[in-house]
């Protein structure tokens, strides 16, 4: 019932389309960009609902207040404490290694504002856990969701971050002025 509703709302009512050809194994991290609006969360949840997937996601801890905190946790939310010096990447990588299935969405910009200095935690988690990163782009101009490429981290983080950023360069977020891949980072 939920799957049908999400499918109807996202594709029929809202008019979004998708092109998803990258393989989805039992364990992976979704690198989702651009992230320029809270609407990205809604589109992402509708998409995962339409596909029948339960995917965890990271979100800053400030969103986890009553009653939203309870709701976000039920939806798969994992609060991020930016001010604590904990090894969240180590903990998530260890969890990914132990579980039979592991699906986690991370927005690499770490904010809805323009940020050329993307966070690398998603890459580090995937590398430590030995799982692929699926590159999911949201394009509001075309109402389009795409995942045609994935990366198995080799450890050459600088090279592969440039490749990841290049993948997202043509996607238009809901607020395109709030998205940057840091052009100087991908030209070299």
N, C-alpha and C. Protein backbone atom coordinates (compact mmCIF):
# COMPACT_ATOMS: atom_id res chain seq x y z
N UNK A 1 0.82 -1.19 0.00
CA UNK A 1 0.00 0.00 0.00
C UNK A 1 0.87 1.26 0.00
N UNK A 2 1.89 1.31 0.91
CA UNK A 2 2.78 2.46 0.99
C UNK A 2 3.57 2.61 -0.30
N UNK A 3 4.05 1.48 -0.84
CA UNK A 3 4.82 1.49 -2.08
C UNK A 3 3.98 2.07 -3.22
N UNK A 4 2.74 1.63 -3.32
CA UNK A 4 1.84 2.14 -4.38
C UNK A 4 1.59 3.64 -4.22
N UNK A 5 1.37 4.06 -2.97
CA UNK A 5 1.12 5.47 -2.72
C UNK A 5 2.34 6.32 -3.10
N UNK A 6 3.52 5.91 -2.67
CA UNK A 6 4.74 6.67 -2.98
C UNK A 6 4.97 6.71 -4.49
N UNK A 7 4.74 5.59 -5.15
CA UNK A 7 4.89 5.51 -6.60
C UNK A 7 3.93 6.49 -7.29
N UNK A 8 2.68 6.47 -6.88
CA UNK A 8 1.68 7.37 -7.47
C UNK A 8 2.06 8.83 -7.22
N UNK A 9 2.40 9.16 -5.97
CA UNK A 9 2.67 10.54 -5.63
C UNK A 9 3.92 11.07 -6.34
N UNK A 10 5.02 10.32 -6.29
CA UNK A 10 6.28 10.79 -6.87
C UNK A 10 6.25 10.82 -8.39
N UNK A 11 5.82 9.73 -9.00
CA UNK A 11 5.91 9.63 -10.46
C UNK A 11 4.68 10.15 -11.20
N UNK A 12 3.51 9.82 -10.72
CA UNK A 12 2.29 10.22 -11.42
C UNK A 12 1.87 11.66 -11.06
N UNK A 13 1.75 11.93 -9.78
CA UNK A 13 1.23 13.23 -9.34
C UNK A 13 2.27 14.34 -9.45
N UNK A 14 3.52 14.06 -8.98
CA UNK A 14 4.56 15.09 -8.98
C UNK A 14 5.36 15.13 -10.28
N UNK A 15 5.26 14.07 -11.10
CA UNK A 15 5.87 14.06 -12.42
C UNK A 15 7.36 13.75 -12.49
N UNK A 16 7.93 13.15 -11.45
CA UNK A 16 9.34 12.80 -11.48
C UNK A 16 9.55 11.55 -12.33
N UNK A 17 10.75 11.43 -12.91
CA UNK A 17 11.15 10.23 -13.64
C UNK A 17 12.48 9.77 -13.07
N UNK A 18 12.89 8.57 -13.48
CA UNK A 18 14.15 8.03 -12.97
C UNK A 18 14.91 7.29 -14.06
N UNK A 19 16.21 7.24 -13.89
CA UNK A 19 17.09 6.41 -14.70
C UNK A 19 18.09 5.82 -13.72
N UNK A 20 17.81 4.61 -13.27
CA UNK A 20 18.63 3.94 -12.27
C UNK A 20 19.08 2.61 -12.85
N UNK A 21 20.36 2.56 -13.24
CA UNK A 21 20.89 1.35 -13.87
C UNK A 21 22.06 0.74 -13.09
N UNK A 22 22.60 1.47 -12.12
CA UNK A 22 23.72 0.94 -11.33
C UNK A 22 23.21 -0.21 -10.46
N UNK A 23 24.00 -1.28 -10.36
CA UNK A 23 23.60 -2.41 -9.50
C UNK A 23 23.48 -1.98 -8.04
N UNK A 24 22.50 -2.56 -7.36
CA UNK A 24 22.26 -2.29 -5.94
C UNK A 24 22.47 -3.59 -5.15
N UNK A 25 23.69 -3.81 -4.65
CA UNK A 25 23.93 -5.04 -3.87
C UNK A 25 23.26 -4.95 -2.50
N UNK A 26 23.52 -5.91 -1.64
CA UNK A 26 22.91 -5.93 -0.31
C UNK A 26 23.46 -4.84 0.61
N UNK A 27 24.67 -4.37 0.32
CA UNK A 27 25.29 -3.33 1.14
C UNK A 27 25.81 -2.22 0.24
N UNK A 28 25.48 -0.98 0.59
CA UNK A 28 25.98 0.17 -0.18
C UNK A 28 25.72 1.46 0.58
N UNK A 29 26.40 2.50 0.09
CA UNK A 29 26.15 3.86 0.56
C UNK A 29 25.67 4.66 -0.63
N UNK A 30 24.61 5.42 -0.45
CA UNK A 30 24.14 6.34 -1.48
C UNK A 30 24.74 7.71 -1.19
N UNK A 31 25.45 8.22 -2.16
CA UNK A 31 25.94 9.60 -2.12
C UNK A 31 24.91 10.41 -2.92
N UNK A 32 24.15 11.24 -2.23
CA UNK A 32 23.04 11.97 -2.85
C UNK A 32 23.36 13.46 -2.95
N UNK A 33 23.27 13.99 -4.15
CA UNK A 33 23.52 15.42 -4.37
C UNK A 33 22.72 15.87 -5.60
N UNK A 34 22.49 17.13 -5.78
CA UNK A 34 22.77 18.21 -4.84
C UNK A 34 21.77 18.22 -3.69
N UNK A 35 22.23 18.77 -2.57
CA UNK A 35 21.37 18.90 -1.39
C UNK A 35 21.22 20.39 -1.10
N UNK A 36 20.12 20.97 -1.59
CA UNK A 36 19.93 22.42 -1.46
C UNK A 36 18.63 22.80 -0.76
N UNK A 37 17.84 21.80 -0.36
CA UNK A 37 16.53 22.08 0.21
C UNK A 37 16.08 20.92 1.08
N UNK A 38 15.19 21.20 2.03
CA UNK A 38 14.60 20.12 2.81
C UNK A 38 13.71 19.23 1.95
N UNK A 39 13.30 19.71 0.79
CA UNK A 39 12.52 18.90 -0.14
C UNK A 39 13.30 17.67 -0.60
N UNK A 40 14.63 17.73 -0.58
CA UNK A 40 15.44 16.58 -0.98
C UNK A 40 15.12 15.37 -0.12
N UNK A 41 14.90 15.62 1.16
CA UNK A 41 14.53 14.54 2.08
C UNK A 41 13.20 13.92 1.67
N UNK A 42 12.23 14.76 1.36
CA UNK A 42 10.90 14.26 0.98
C UNK A 42 10.97 13.47 -0.32
N UNK A 43 11.66 14.01 -1.32
CA UNK A 43 11.81 13.29 -2.60
C UNK A 43 12.52 11.96 -2.35
N UNK A 44 13.58 11.98 -1.55
CA UNK A 44 14.31 10.75 -1.24
C UNK A 44 13.47 9.70 -0.54
N UNK A 45 12.67 10.14 0.42
CA UNK A 45 11.81 9.18 1.13
C UNK A 45 10.71 8.64 0.21
N UNK A 46 10.15 9.49 -0.64
CA UNK A 46 9.16 9.01 -1.61
C UNK A 46 9.78 8.01 -2.58
N UNK A 47 10.99 8.31 -3.04
CA UNK A 47 11.68 7.40 -3.96
C UNK A 47 11.94 6.05 -3.30
N UNK A 48 12.51 6.07 -2.09
CA UNK A 48 12.80 4.79 -1.43
C UNK A 48 11.50 4.03 -1.13
N UNK A 49 10.44 4.77 -0.80
CA UNK A 49 9.14 4.12 -0.59
C UNK A 49 8.60 3.50 -1.86
N UNK A 50 8.72 4.22 -2.98
CA UNK A 50 8.25 3.71 -4.27
C UNK A 50 9.02 2.46 -4.69
N UNK A 51 10.29 2.39 -4.30
CA UNK A 51 11.13 1.23 -4.63
C UNK A 51 10.97 0.10 -3.61
N UNK A 52 10.29 0.39 -2.49
CA UNK A 52 10.11 -0.62 -1.46
C UNK A 52 11.34 -0.83 -0.60
N UNK A 53 12.18 0.19 -0.47
CA UNK A 53 13.42 0.10 0.29
C UNK A 53 13.31 0.82 1.62
N UNK A 54 14.00 0.29 2.61
CA UNK A 54 14.22 1.01 3.86
C UNK A 54 15.69 1.37 3.87
N UNK A 55 15.96 2.66 3.82
CA UNK A 55 17.34 3.15 3.75
C UNK A 55 17.56 4.12 4.91
N UNK A 56 18.63 3.89 5.64
CA UNK A 56 18.98 4.80 6.72
C UNK A 56 19.58 6.08 6.15
N UNK A 57 19.59 7.12 6.96
CA UNK A 57 20.14 8.40 6.52
C UNK A 57 20.72 9.13 7.72
N UNK A 58 21.72 9.96 7.46
CA UNK A 58 22.32 10.78 8.50
C UNK A 58 21.66 12.16 8.47
N UNK A 59 21.46 12.72 9.67
CA UNK A 59 20.84 14.04 9.78
C UNK A 59 21.37 14.69 11.05
N UNK A 60 21.59 16.00 10.99
CA UNK A 60 22.14 16.67 12.17
C UNK A 60 21.21 16.50 13.36
N UNK A 61 21.82 16.36 14.52
CA UNK A 61 21.10 16.01 15.74
C UNK A 61 20.03 17.02 16.11
N UNK A 62 20.17 18.27 15.67
CA UNK A 62 19.20 19.31 16.02
C UNK A 62 17.79 18.98 15.53
N UNK A 63 17.66 18.13 14.53
CA UNK A 63 16.34 17.73 14.02
C UNK A 63 15.68 16.66 14.89
N UNK A 64 16.42 16.07 15.80
CA UNK A 64 15.90 14.95 16.58
C UNK A 64 15.30 15.41 17.91
N UNK A 65 14.35 16.33 17.84
CA UNK A 65 13.62 16.77 19.03
C UNK A 65 12.22 16.18 18.96
N UNK A 66 11.56 16.12 20.11
CA UNK A 66 10.21 15.55 20.18
C UNK A 66 9.23 16.44 19.44
N UNK A 67 8.33 15.92 18.63
CA UNK A 67 8.11 14.52 18.27
C UNK A 67 8.87 14.10 17.00
N UNK A 68 9.53 15.06 16.33
CA UNK A 68 10.22 14.72 15.08
C UNK A 68 11.32 13.68 15.27
N UNK A 69 12.04 13.74 16.39
CA UNK A 69 13.12 12.79 16.64
C UNK A 69 12.64 11.36 16.59
N UNK A 70 11.52 11.10 17.24
CA UNK A 70 10.95 9.75 17.23
C UNK A 70 10.60 9.33 15.80
N UNK A 71 9.97 10.23 15.08
CA UNK A 71 9.56 9.95 13.71
C UNK A 71 10.77 9.70 12.81
N UNK A 72 11.79 10.57 12.89
CA UNK A 72 12.98 10.40 12.06
C UNK A 72 13.70 9.09 12.36
N UNK A 73 13.77 8.71 13.63
CA UNK A 73 14.42 7.44 13.98
C UNK A 73 13.64 6.26 13.41
N UNK A 74 12.33 6.34 13.47
CA UNK A 74 11.49 5.26 12.90
C UNK A 74 11.67 5.16 11.38
N UNK A 75 11.98 6.29 10.76
CA UNK A 75 12.18 6.33 9.31
C UNK A 75 13.59 5.92 8.91
N UNK A 76 14.46 5.68 9.89
CA UNK A 76 15.83 5.26 9.59
C UNK A 76 16.87 6.32 9.84
N UNK A 77 16.49 7.41 10.51
CA UNK A 77 17.43 8.50 10.76
C UNK A 77 18.46 8.17 11.82
N UNK A 78 19.67 8.62 11.57
CA UNK A 78 20.77 8.48 12.51
C UNK A 78 21.27 9.89 12.82
N UNK A 79 21.15 10.33 14.08
CA UNK A 79 21.59 11.70 14.40
C UNK A 79 23.11 11.84 14.37
N UNK A 80 23.56 12.98 13.88
CA UNK A 80 24.99 13.28 13.80
C UNK A 80 25.30 14.40 14.79
N UNK A 81 26.21 14.13 15.70
CA UNK A 81 26.70 15.13 16.65
C UNK A 81 27.99 15.69 16.07
N UNK A 82 27.91 16.86 15.48
CA UNK A 82 29.08 17.46 14.84
C UNK A 82 30.10 17.95 15.85
N UNK A 83 29.65 18.26 17.06
CA UNK A 83 30.57 18.83 18.05
C UNK A 83 31.29 17.76 18.87
N UNK A 84 30.88 16.50 18.78
CA UNK A 84 31.54 15.43 19.53
C UNK A 84 32.64 14.82 18.67
N UNK A 85 33.70 14.43 19.31
CA UNK A 85 34.81 13.80 18.61
C UNK A 85 34.69 12.28 18.74
N UNK A 86 33.68 11.75 18.07
CA UNK A 86 33.48 10.31 18.05
C UNK A 86 33.82 9.81 16.66
N UNK A 87 34.09 8.55 16.56
CA UNK A 87 34.43 7.99 15.27
C UNK A 87 33.19 7.38 14.62
N UNK A 88 32.32 8.25 14.15
CA UNK A 88 31.10 7.79 13.53
C UNK A 88 31.41 6.94 12.29
N UNK A 89 32.44 7.33 11.54
CA UNK A 89 32.79 6.55 10.34
C UNK A 89 33.22 5.13 10.72
N UNK A 90 34.02 5.00 11.77
CA UNK A 90 34.44 3.66 12.22
C UNK A 90 33.24 2.84 12.68
N UNK A 91 32.36 3.46 13.46
CA UNK A 91 31.18 2.76 13.98
C UNK A 91 30.26 2.30 12.85
N UNK A 92 30.02 3.18 11.87
CA UNK A 92 29.14 2.81 10.75
C UNK A 92 29.79 1.76 9.86
N UNK A 93 31.09 1.85 9.65
CA UNK A 93 31.79 0.83 8.84
C UNK A 93 31.72 -0.53 9.52
N UNK A 94 31.92 -0.54 10.84
CA UNK A 94 31.84 -1.79 11.60
C UNK A 94 30.43 -2.37 11.53
N UNK A 95 29.42 -1.51 11.66
CA UNK A 95 28.02 -1.96 11.54
C UNK A 95 27.77 -2.54 10.16
N UNK A 96 28.27 -1.88 9.11
CA UNK A 96 28.08 -2.37 7.74
C UNK A 96 28.72 -3.74 7.55
N UNK A 97 29.90 -3.93 8.12
CA UNK A 97 30.58 -5.24 7.98
C UNK A 97 29.79 -6.35 8.67
N UNK A 98 29.17 -6.05 9.80
CA UNK A 98 28.48 -7.08 10.60
C UNK A 98 27.12 -7.48 10.04
N UNK A 99 26.41 -6.52 9.44
CA UNK A 99 25.04 -6.78 8.99
C UNK A 99 25.01 -7.48 7.63
N UNK A 100 23.91 -8.21 7.37
CA UNK A 100 23.72 -8.84 6.06
C UNK A 100 23.34 -7.81 5.00
N UNK A 101 22.59 -6.78 5.43
CA UNK A 101 22.24 -5.69 4.52
C UNK A 101 22.56 -4.37 5.21
N UNK A 102 23.01 -3.41 4.40
CA UNK A 102 23.36 -2.10 4.93
C UNK A 102 23.13 -1.09 3.82
N UNK A 103 22.22 -0.15 4.06
CA UNK A 103 21.88 0.87 3.07
C UNK A 103 21.82 2.21 3.79
N UNK A 104 22.69 3.14 3.38
CA UNK A 104 22.80 4.41 4.06
C UNK A 104 22.92 5.52 3.03
N UNK A 105 22.11 6.57 3.19
CA UNK A 105 22.18 7.75 2.32
C UNK A 105 22.89 8.88 3.05
N UNK A 106 23.83 9.50 2.35
CA UNK A 106 24.57 10.63 2.90
C UNK A 106 24.64 11.72 1.83
N UNK A 107 24.42 12.97 2.24
CA UNK A 107 24.60 14.11 1.35
C UNK A 107 26.01 14.66 1.61
N UNK A 108 26.89 14.60 0.63
CA UNK A 108 28.30 14.93 0.87
C UNK A 108 28.58 16.38 1.19
N UNK A 109 27.69 17.29 0.78
CA UNK A 109 27.94 18.70 1.08
C UNK A 109 27.83 18.98 2.58
N UNK A 110 27.02 18.18 3.29
CA UNK A 110 26.85 18.35 4.72
C UNK A 110 26.04 19.57 5.12
N UNK A 111 25.46 20.25 4.14
CA UNK A 111 24.67 21.46 4.39
C UNK A 111 23.82 21.73 3.16
N UNK A 112 22.81 22.58 3.32
CA UNK A 112 21.98 22.97 2.18
C UNK A 112 22.52 24.23 1.51
N UNK A 113 23.61 24.76 2.02
CA UNK A 113 24.25 25.95 1.44
C UNK A 113 25.39 25.51 0.51
N UNK A 114 25.81 26.41 -0.37
CA UNK A 114 26.91 26.10 -1.27
C UNK A 114 28.17 25.79 -0.46
N UNK A 115 28.75 24.63 -0.68
CA UNK A 115 29.94 24.20 0.05
C UNK A 115 30.85 23.40 -0.88
N UNK A 116 31.95 23.98 -1.36
CA UNK A 116 32.85 23.24 -2.24
C UNK A 116 33.66 22.17 -1.49
N UNK A 117 33.71 22.25 -0.17
CA UNK A 117 34.49 21.30 0.63
C UNK A 117 33.60 20.17 1.13
N UNK A 118 33.33 19.24 0.24
CA UNK A 118 32.44 18.14 0.58
C UNK A 118 33.04 17.28 1.68
N UNK A 119 32.17 16.77 2.52
CA UNK A 119 32.57 15.84 3.58
C UNK A 119 32.98 14.52 2.93
N UNK A 120 33.94 13.85 3.52
CA UNK A 120 34.45 12.61 2.94
C UNK A 120 34.05 11.38 3.75
N UNK A 121 33.21 11.57 4.77
CA UNK A 121 32.82 10.47 5.63
C UNK A 121 32.17 9.31 4.89
N UNK A 122 31.34 9.62 3.90
CA UNK A 122 30.67 8.55 3.14
C UNK A 122 31.70 7.67 2.44
N UNK A 123 32.75 8.30 1.92
CA UNK A 123 33.82 7.57 1.23
C UNK A 123 34.58 6.70 2.22
N UNK A 124 34.91 7.26 3.36
CA UNK A 124 35.69 6.54 4.37
C UNK A 124 34.91 5.34 4.90
N UNK A 125 33.61 5.53 5.15
CA UNK A 125 32.77 4.41 5.62
C UNK A 125 32.77 3.30 4.58
N UNK A 126 32.53 3.67 3.32
CA UNK A 126 32.47 2.67 2.24
C UNK A 126 33.81 1.94 2.10
N UNK A 127 34.91 2.68 2.17
CA UNK A 127 36.23 2.06 2.03
C UNK A 127 36.50 1.09 3.17
N UNK A 128 36.24 1.52 4.39
CA UNK A 128 36.50 0.66 5.56
C UNK A 128 35.61 -0.57 5.56
N UNK A 129 34.38 -0.42 5.07
CA UNK A 129 33.43 -1.54 5.06
C UNK A 129 33.57 -2.40 3.81
N UNK A 130 34.28 -1.90 2.79
CA UNK A 130 34.43 -2.66 1.54
C UNK A 130 33.14 -2.72 0.75
N UNK A 131 32.40 -1.61 0.72
CA UNK A 131 31.12 -1.58 0.01
C UNK A 131 31.13 -0.44 -1.01
N UNK A 132 30.29 -0.54 -2.05
CA UNK A 132 30.27 0.50 -3.09
C UNK A 132 29.51 1.75 -2.67
N UNK A 133 29.83 2.82 -3.38
CA UNK A 133 29.12 4.09 -3.24
C UNK A 133 28.28 4.27 -4.51
N UNK A 134 26.97 4.37 -4.36
CA UNK A 134 26.09 4.62 -5.49
C UNK A 134 25.86 6.12 -5.60
N UNK A 135 26.06 6.67 -6.78
CA UNK A 135 25.93 8.11 -6.99
C UNK A 135 24.52 8.41 -7.48
N UNK A 136 23.75 9.06 -6.61
CA UNK A 136 22.36 9.42 -6.92
C UNK A 136 22.26 10.93 -7.08
N UNK A 137 21.82 11.37 -8.25
CA UNK A 137 21.62 12.78 -8.51
C UNK A 137 20.13 13.13 -8.56
N UNK A 138 19.80 14.27 -7.95
CA UNK A 138 18.44 14.82 -8.03
C UNK A 138 18.48 16.06 -8.91
N UNK A 139 17.62 16.11 -9.90
CA UNK A 139 17.56 17.28 -10.77
C UNK A 139 16.13 17.82 -10.76
N UNK A 140 15.95 18.94 -10.08
CA UNK A 140 14.61 19.53 -9.94
C UNK A 140 14.14 20.17 -11.24
N UNK A 141 15.07 20.66 -12.04
CA UNK A 141 14.69 21.30 -13.30
C UNK A 141 14.00 20.29 -14.23
N UNK A 142 14.54 19.08 -14.27
CA UNK A 142 13.98 18.02 -15.12
C UNK A 142 13.08 17.06 -14.35
N UNK A 143 12.98 17.24 -13.01
CA UNK A 143 12.26 16.30 -12.14
C UNK A 143 12.75 14.88 -12.42
N UNK A 144 14.02 14.70 -12.14
CA UNK A 144 14.73 13.52 -12.60
C UNK A 144 15.65 12.98 -11.51
N UNK A 145 15.61 11.67 -11.32
CA UNK A 145 16.48 10.96 -10.37
C UNK A 145 17.36 10.03 -11.19
N UNK A 146 18.67 10.12 -10.95
CA UNK A 146 19.59 9.29 -11.75
C UNK A 146 20.63 8.61 -10.87
N UNK A 147 20.87 7.34 -11.17
CA UNK A 147 21.98 6.59 -10.57
C UNK A 147 22.47 5.61 -11.63
N UNK A 148 23.47 6.04 -12.38
CA UNK A 148 24.01 5.20 -13.45
C UNK A 148 25.48 4.85 -13.21
N UNK A 149 25.98 5.27 -12.04
CA UNK A 149 27.40 5.05 -11.75
C UNK A 149 27.59 4.73 -10.27
N UNK A 150 28.52 3.85 -10.00
CA UNK A 150 28.91 3.57 -8.62
C UNK A 150 30.43 3.48 -8.57
N UNK A 151 30.95 3.62 -7.39
CA UNK A 151 32.40 3.59 -7.18
C UNK A 151 32.71 2.64 -6.03
N UNK A 152 33.68 1.78 -6.24
CA UNK A 152 34.21 0.97 -5.15
C UNK A 152 35.48 1.67 -4.71
N UNK A 153 35.49 2.27 -3.52
CA UNK A 153 36.64 3.06 -3.09
C UNK A 153 37.94 2.27 -3.12
N UNK A 154 38.96 2.86 -3.74
CA UNK A 154 40.27 2.21 -3.86
C UNK A 154 41.25 2.73 -2.81
N UNK A 155 40.90 3.88 -2.21
CA UNK A 155 41.82 4.52 -1.28
C UNK A 155 42.42 5.79 -1.85
N UNK A 156 42.29 5.99 -3.16
CA UNK A 156 42.77 7.24 -3.78
C UNK A 156 41.64 8.27 -3.65
N UNK A 157 41.49 8.77 -2.45
CA UNK A 157 40.34 9.61 -2.10
C UNK A 157 40.29 10.90 -2.92
N UNK A 158 41.42 11.54 -3.16
CA UNK A 158 41.42 12.80 -3.90
C UNK A 158 40.94 12.58 -5.34
N UNK A 159 41.47 11.58 -5.99
CA UNK A 159 41.09 11.27 -7.38
C UNK A 159 39.60 10.90 -7.46
N UNK A 160 39.16 10.04 -6.56
CA UNK A 160 37.79 9.56 -6.61
C UNK A 160 36.78 10.62 -6.17
N UNK A 161 37.16 11.51 -5.28
CA UNK A 161 36.27 12.62 -4.92
C UNK A 161 36.08 13.55 -6.12
N UNK A 162 37.15 13.77 -6.91
CA UNK A 162 37.00 14.58 -8.14
C UNK A 162 36.04 13.89 -9.11
N UNK A 163 36.16 12.57 -9.23
CA UNK A 163 35.27 11.80 -10.11
C UNK A 163 33.81 11.90 -9.63
N UNK A 164 33.62 11.79 -8.34
CA UNK A 164 32.27 11.89 -7.75
C UNK A 164 31.69 13.28 -8.01
N UNK A 165 32.46 14.31 -7.75
CA UNK A 165 31.99 15.68 -7.97
C UNK A 165 31.64 15.92 -9.44
N UNK A 166 32.48 15.41 -10.34
CA UNK A 166 32.20 15.56 -11.78
C UNK A 166 30.86 14.94 -12.17
N UNK A 167 30.54 13.82 -11.55
CA UNK A 167 29.27 13.15 -11.85
C UNK A 167 28.08 14.07 -11.58
N UNK A 168 28.18 14.88 -10.54
CA UNK A 168 27.05 15.71 -10.11
C UNK A 168 27.03 17.11 -10.74
N UNK A 169 28.00 17.44 -11.57
CA UNK A 169 28.14 18.84 -12.03
C UNK A 169 26.95 19.38 -12.79
N UNK A 170 26.19 18.56 -13.49
CA UNK A 170 25.08 19.06 -14.31
C UNK A 170 23.71 18.95 -13.65
N UNK A 171 23.65 18.43 -12.45
CA UNK A 171 22.38 18.33 -11.74
C UNK A 171 21.99 19.67 -11.15
N UNK A 172 20.71 20.00 -11.23
CA UNK A 172 20.20 21.27 -10.71
C UNK A 172 19.34 20.99 -9.47
N UNK A 173 19.81 21.47 -8.33
CA UNK A 173 19.06 21.32 -7.09
C UNK A 173 17.84 22.24 -7.08
N UNK A 174 17.03 22.09 -6.09
CA UNK A 174 15.85 22.96 -5.96
C UNK A 174 16.27 24.42 -5.91
N UNK A 175 17.38 24.69 -5.26
CA UNK A 175 17.97 26.04 -5.20
C UNK A 175 19.38 25.94 -5.79
N UNK A 176 19.50 25.99 -7.12
CA UNK A 176 20.80 25.75 -7.78
C UNK A 176 21.93 26.65 -7.29
N UNK A 177 21.59 27.84 -6.83
CA UNK A 177 22.62 28.76 -6.34
C UNK A 177 23.28 28.24 -5.05
N UNK A 178 22.67 27.26 -4.42
CA UNK A 178 23.21 26.69 -3.18
C UNK A 178 24.03 25.43 -3.40
N UNK A 179 24.41 25.16 -4.65
CA UNK A 179 25.16 23.94 -4.96
C UNK A 179 26.44 24.28 -5.70
N UNK A 180 27.53 23.70 -5.25
CA UNK A 180 28.79 23.83 -5.96
C UNK A 180 29.59 22.54 -5.79
N UNK A 181 30.33 22.21 -6.83
CA UNK A 181 31.24 21.08 -6.73
C UNK A 181 32.68 21.58 -6.54
N UNK A 182 32.84 22.91 -6.48
CA UNK A 182 34.17 23.48 -6.34
C UNK A 182 34.94 23.26 -7.63
N UNK A 183 34.59 23.99 -8.65
CA UNK A 183 35.14 23.80 -10.00
C UNK A 183 36.66 23.57 -10.00
N UNK A 184 37.39 24.33 -9.16
CA UNK A 184 38.84 24.16 -9.14
C UNK A 184 39.24 22.77 -8.67
N UNK A 185 38.37 22.12 -7.89
CA UNK A 185 38.66 20.77 -7.39
C UNK A 185 38.55 19.71 -8.47
N UNK A 186 37.72 19.94 -9.48
CA UNK A 186 37.48 18.87 -10.47
C UNK A 186 38.22 19.10 -11.78
N UNK A 187 38.86 20.24 -11.94
CA UNK A 187 39.56 20.51 -13.19
C UNK A 187 40.90 19.80 -13.25
N UNK A 188 41.53 19.57 -12.13
CA UNK A 188 42.86 18.95 -12.14
C UNK A 188 42.81 17.45 -12.35
